[in-house]
Amino acid sequence: MLLLDEDDRGRTYTISVGEEVKLELAENPAAGYSWAIDATDGLELIESKYSMKSKALGSGGRRSWLFRTVRGGKQKITGVYRRPWDAGPEKKTELEWFFVAELR
């Protein structure tokens, strides 16, 4: 399994068809911020989970997504972090991770 986070963005990873990719990102839904994650057709979403760092009011946590590679070729995960009601481009963060999936 390939484990990725914010620090791994913008890079290209070579993976095998059938391999799993787990993406973990900081998220604070208590403040209205959440990730919108999109992936190309060759990456199948298996699971999405949120875990809080603490039970304190307003504290954030980590969101994780587990994908399985189901098709070869170039694949991509895109994430946009924002409050849904803040429409301006200066109020969001966009990240991308790139993959080349090979049959092995």
C-alpha atoms as a PDB file:
ATOM      1  CA  MET A   1       0.000   0.000   0.000  1.00  0.00           C
ATOM      2  CA  LEU A   2       1.178   3.473  -0.897  1.00  0.00           C
ATOM      3  CA  LEU A   3       0.528   6.034   1.887  1.00  0.00           C
ATOM      4  CA  LEU A   4       0.360   9.711   0.863  1.00  0.00           C
ATOM      5  CA  ASP A   5      -0.334  13.070   2.534  1.00  0.00           C
ATOM      6  CA  GLU A   6      -0.059  16.809   1.857  1.00  0.00           C
ATOM      7  CA  ASP A   7       3.731  16.665   1.591  1.00  0.00           C
ATOM      8  CA  ASP A   8       3.552  14.174  -1.303  1.00  0.00           C
ATOM      9  CA  ARG A   9       1.471  16.384  -3.614  1.00  0.00           C
ATOM     10  CA  GLY A  10       2.581  17.193  -7.140  1.00  0.00           C
ATOM     11  CA  ARG A  11       4.704  14.070  -7.558  1.00  0.00           C
ATOM     12  CA  THR A  12       4.186  11.114  -9.883  1.00  0.00           C
ATOM     13  CA  TYR A  13       4.158   7.598  -8.413  1.00  0.00           C
ATOM     14  CA  THR A  14       4.479   4.295 -10.254  1.00  0.00           C
ATOM     15  CA  ILE A  15       2.033   1.738  -8.886  1.00  0.00           C
ATOM     16  CA  SER A  16       0.692  -1.663  -9.917  1.00  0.00           C
ATOM     17  CA  VAL A  17      -2.842  -2.415 -11.017  1.00  0.00           C
ATOM     18  CA  GLY A  18      -4.506  -3.886  -7.925  1.00  0.00           C
ATOM     19  CA  GLU A  19      -2.347  -1.872  -5.517  1.00  0.00           C
ATOM     20  CA  GLU A  20      -4.018   0.247  -2.846  1.00  0.00           C
ATOM     21  CA  VAL A  21      -3.328   3.931  -2.255  1.00  0.00           C
ATOM     22  CA  LYS A  22      -4.226   5.605   1.050  1.00  0.00           C
ATOM     23  CA  LEU A  23      -4.429   9.386   1.169  1.00  0.00           C
ATOM     24  CA  GLU A  24      -4.537  11.136   4.585  1.00  0.00           C
ATOM     25  CA  LEU A  25      -5.135  14.879   4.932  1.00  0.00           C
ATOM     26  CA  ALA A  26      -5.788  17.290   7.810  1.00  0.00           C
ATOM     27  CA  GLU A  27      -9.415  18.423   7.909  1.00  0.00           C
ATOM     28  CA  ASN A  28     -11.490  20.612  10.227  1.00  0.00           C
ATOM     29  CA  PRO A  29     -15.211  20.180   9.508  1.00  0.00           C
ATOM     30  CA  ALA A  30     -16.041  21.925  12.814  1.00  0.00           C
ATOM     31  CA  ALA A  31     -14.768  25.149  11.197  1.00  0.00           C
ATOM     32  CA  GLY A  32     -16.661  24.364   7.977  1.00  0.00           C
ATOM     33  CA  TYR A  33     -13.632  23.158   5.998  1.00  0.00           C
ATOM     34  CA  SER A  34     -13.736  19.863   4.151  1.00  0.00           C
ATOM     35  CA  TRP A  35     -12.003  18.108   1.280  1.00  0.00           C
ATOM     36  CA  ALA A  36     -13.696  17.385  -2.035  1.00  0.00           C
ATOM     37  CA  ILE A  37     -11.681  14.526  -3.524  1.00  0.00           C
ATOM     38  CA  ASP A  38     -11.917  13.421  -7.138  1.00  0.00           C
ATOM     39  CA  ALA A  39     -10.058  10.559  -8.818  1.00  0.00           C
ATOM     40  CA  THR A  40      -9.773   9.293 -12.368  1.00  0.00           C
ATOM     41  CA  ASP A  41     -11.684   6.152 -13.363  1.00  0.00           C
ATOM     42  CA  GLY A  42      -8.694   3.878 -12.809  1.00  0.00           C
ATOM     43  CA  LEU A  43      -8.756   4.527  -9.058  1.00  0.00           C
ATOM     44  CA  GLU A  44     -11.717   3.011  -7.218  1.00  0.00           C
ATOM     45  CA  LEU A  45     -12.666   4.542  -3.864  1.00  0.00           C
ATOM     46  CA  ILE A  46     -12.947   1.777  -1.266  1.00  0.00           C
ATOM     47  CA  GLU A  47     -13.292   3.760   1.951  1.00  0.00           C
ATOM     48  CA  SER A  48     -13.430   7.297   3.360  1.00  0.00           C
ATOM     49  CA  LYS A  49     -12.983   7.919   7.107  1.00  0.00           C
ATOM     50  CA  TYR A  50     -12.619  10.857   9.472  1.00  0.00           C
ATOM     51  CA  SER A  51     -10.875  10.636  12.841  1.00  0.00           C
ATOM     52  CA  MET A  52     -10.741  13.470  15.366  1.00  0.00           C
ATOM     53  CA  LYS A  53      -7.485  14.430  17.090  1.00  0.00           C
ATOM     54  CA  SER A  54      -9.340  15.347  20.282  1.00  0.00           C
ATOM     55  CA  LYS A  55     -12.875  15.789  21.547  1.00  0.00           C
ATOM     56  CA  ALA A  56     -12.333  19.510  22.193  1.00  0.00           C
ATOM     57  CA  LEU A  57     -14.870  21.741  20.514  1.00  0.00           C
ATOM     58  CA  GLY A  58     -13.612  23.035  17.165  1.00  0.00           C
ATOM     59  CA  SER A  59     -10.607  20.736  16.949  1.00  0.00           C
ATOM     60  CA  GLY A  60      -9.711  19.187  13.629  1.00  0.00           C
ATOM     61  CA  GLY A  61      -8.607  15.730  12.673  1.00  0.00           C
ATOM     62  CA  ARG A  62      -7.552  13.595   9.719  1.00  0.00           C
ATOM     63  CA  ARG A  63      -9.600  12.425   6.750  1.00  0.00           C
ATOM     64  CA  SER A  64      -8.410   9.313   4.914  1.00  0.00           C
ATOM     65  CA  TRP A  65      -9.415   7.784   1.600  1.00  0.00           C
ATOM     66  CA  LEU A  66      -8.478   4.305   0.453  1.00  0.00           C
ATOM     67  CA  PHE A  67      -8.323   3.676  -3.304  1.00  0.00           C
ATOM     68  CA  ARG A  68      -7.612   0.539  -5.308  1.00  0.00           C
ATOM     69  CA  THR A  69      -5.970   0.777  -8.719  1.00  0.00           C
ATOM     70  CA  VAL A  70      -8.324  -0.957 -11.168  1.00  0.00           C
ATOM     71  CA  ARG A  71      -6.940   0.206 -14.523  1.00  0.00           C
ATOM     72  CA  GLY A  72      -3.521   0.810 -16.013  1.00  0.00           C
ATOM     73  CA  GLY A  73      -2.250   4.082 -17.403  1.00  0.00           C
ATOM     74  CA  LYS A  74      -2.088   7.625 -16.088  1.00  0.00           C
ATOM     75  CA  GLN A  75      -4.246   8.279 -13.031  1.00  0.00           C
ATOM     76  CA  LYS A  76      -4.761  11.300 -10.781  1.00  0.00           C
ATOM     77  CA  ILE A  77      -6.305  12.289  -7.445  1.00  0.00           C
ATOM     78  CA  THR A  78      -7.349  15.912  -7.020  1.00  0.00           C
ATOM     79  CA  GLY A  79      -8.330  17.493  -3.723  1.00  0.00           C
ATOM     80  CA  VAL A  80      -9.945  20.866  -3.012  1.00  0.00           C
ATOM     81  CA  TYR A  81     -10.097  22.062   0.622  1.00  0.00           C
ATOM     82  CA  ARG A  82     -12.601  24.811   1.306  1.00  0.00           C
ATOM     83  CA  ARG A  83     -15.790  25.907   2.947  1.00  0.00           C
ATOM     84  CA  PRO A  84     -18.647  25.159   0.534  1.00  0.00           C
ATOM     85  CA  TRP A  85     -20.124  28.651   0.948  1.00  0.00           C
ATOM     86  CA  ASP A  86     -16.817  30.476   0.233  1.00  0.00           C
ATOM     87  CA  ALA A  87     -16.789  30.716  -3.543  1.00  0.00           C
ATOM     88  CA  GLY A  88     -13.649  32.819  -4.045  1.00  0.00           C
ATOM     89  CA  PRO A  89     -10.514  31.114  -5.394  1.00  0.00           C
ATOM     90  CA  GLU A  90      -8.373  32.692  -2.663  1.00  0.00           C
ATOM     91  CA  LYS A  91     -10.352  30.759  -0.029  1.00  0.00           C
ATOM     92  CA  LYS A  92      -9.432  27.255  -1.127  1.00  0.00           C
ATOM     93  CA  THR A  93      -6.462  24.922  -1.362  1.00  0.00           C
ATOM     94  CA  GLU A  94      -6.007  22.603  -4.343  1.00  0.00           C
ATOM     95  CA  LEU A  95      -3.648  19.603  -4.328  1.00  0.00           C
ATOM     96  CA  GLU A  96      -2.907  16.871  -6.900  1.00  0.00           C
ATOM     97  CA  TRP A  97      -1.207  13.463  -6.837  1.00  0.00           C
ATOM     98  CA  PHE A  98      -0.270  11.671 -10.081  1.00  0.00           C
ATOM     99  CA  PHE A  99       0.148   7.954 -10.811  1.00  0.00           C
ATOM    100  CA  VAL A 100       1.266   5.663 -13.589  1.00  0.00           C
ATOM    101  CA  ALA A 101      -0.398   2.294 -13.045  1.00  0.00           C
ATOM    102  CA  GLU A 102       1.366  -0.672 -14.617  1.00  0.00           C
ATOM    103  CA  LEU A 103       0.368  -4.274 -15.148  1.00  0.00           C
ATOM    104  CA  ARG A 104       2.919  -6.450 -13.349  1.00  0.00           C
END
